[in-house]
């Protein structure tokens, strides 16, 4: 359901990041409406493994981008 909604948001001109943020906002509001406290709702939206699998678009596969080397990390 949310994947179709995410695609619909992108079709309306929202970027993938904007669609992701809208999904997070909707998740937060649904948690609050379901009776979760503000603190627990904020925790739930920051705990990605707690998300229902269908709430956000598929994650980006890092293998598609190849190896990433950042010299700054070596210092």
Protein backbone atom coordinates (compact mmCIF):
# COMPACT_ATOMS: atom_id res chain seq x y z
CA UNK A 1 0.00 0.00 0.00
CA UNK A 2 2.64 2.57 0.97
CA UNK A 3 4.81 1.62 -2.00
CA UNK A 4 1.99 2.64 -4.31
CA UNK A 5 1.55 5.79 -2.23
CA UNK A 6 5.28 6.51 -2.49
CA UNK A 7 5.13 6.07 -6.28
CA UNK A 8 2.06 8.31 -6.39
CA UNK A 9 3.95 10.98 -4.43
CA UNK A 10 6.86 10.76 -6.86
CA UNK A 11 4.40 11.05 -9.75
CA UNK A 12 3.20 14.31 -8.16
CA UNK A 13 6.71 15.74 -8.33
CA UNK A 14 8.00 14.83 -4.87
CA UNK A 15 11.55 13.51 -4.72
CA UNK A 16 12.27 10.11 -3.17
CA UNK A 17 13.56 11.89 -0.07
CA UNK A 18 10.38 13.97 0.21
CA UNK A 19 8.25 10.82 -0.24
CA UNK A 20 10.32 9.13 2.50
CA UNK A 21 9.78 12.06 4.87
CA UNK A 22 6.06 12.10 4.16
CA UNK A 23 5.91 8.37 4.97
CA UNK A 24 7.74 8.97 8.26
CA UNK A 25 5.33 11.75 9.16
CA UNK A 26 2.34 9.53 8.38
CA UNK A 27 3.86 6.69 10.46
CA UNK A 28 4.34 9.09 13.40
CA UNK A 29 0.77 10.40 13.15
CA UNK A 30 -0.60 6.84 12.96
CA UNK A 31 1.37 5.83 16.06
CA UNK A 32 0.03 8.85 17.97
CA UNK A 33 -3.54 8.14 16.81
CA UNK A 34 -3.11 4.52 17.96
CA UNK A 35 -2.32 5.79 21.45
CA UNK A 36 1.47 5.70 21.54
CA UNK A 37 3.11 8.42 23.61
CA UNK A 38 5.05 11.18 21.87
CA UNK A 39 8.36 9.77 23.11
CA UNK A 40 7.61 6.20 22.07
CA UNK A 41 6.35 7.40 18.67
CA UNK A 42 9.58 9.33 18.10
CA UNK A 43 11.57 6.27 19.12
CA UNK A 44 9.61 4.07 16.72
CA UNK A 45 10.26 6.31 13.71
CA UNK A 46 14.00 6.34 14.49
CA UNK A 47 14.13 2.55 14.93
CA UNK A 48 14.08 1.42 11.29
CA UNK A 49 13.80 -2.34 12.08
CA UNK A 50 10.46 -1.60 13.79
CA UNK A 51 8.88 -0.33 10.54
CA UNK A 52 6.36 -2.48 8.78
CA UNK A 53 8.11 -3.72 5.62
CA UNK A 54 5.58 -2.01 3.35
CA UNK A 55 5.75 1.48 4.89
CA UNK A 56 8.73 2.81 2.92
CA UNK A 57 10.05 2.24 -0.59
CA UNK A 58 12.66 -0.47 -1.03
CA UNK A 59 16.03 0.60 0.35
CA UNK A 60 18.82 1.50 -2.03
CA UNK A 61 21.12 -1.44 -2.77
CA UNK A 62 24.66 -0.23 -1.97
CA UNK A 63 26.08 -2.83 -4.38
CA UNK A 64 24.65 -0.81 -7.28
CA UNK A 65 27.13 1.97 -6.51
CA UNK A 66 30.29 -0.13 -6.31
CA UNK A 67 33.08 0.31 -3.80
CA UNK A 68 33.36 3.57 -1.96
CA UNK A 69 36.67 4.70 -0.59
CA UNK A 70 36.96 7.89 1.41
CA UNK A 71 40.50 8.98 2.21
CA UNK A 72 39.23 11.23 5.00
CA UNK A 73 38.13 8.17 6.98
CA UNK A 74 41.77 7.03 7.29
CA UNK A 75 42.85 9.89 9.54
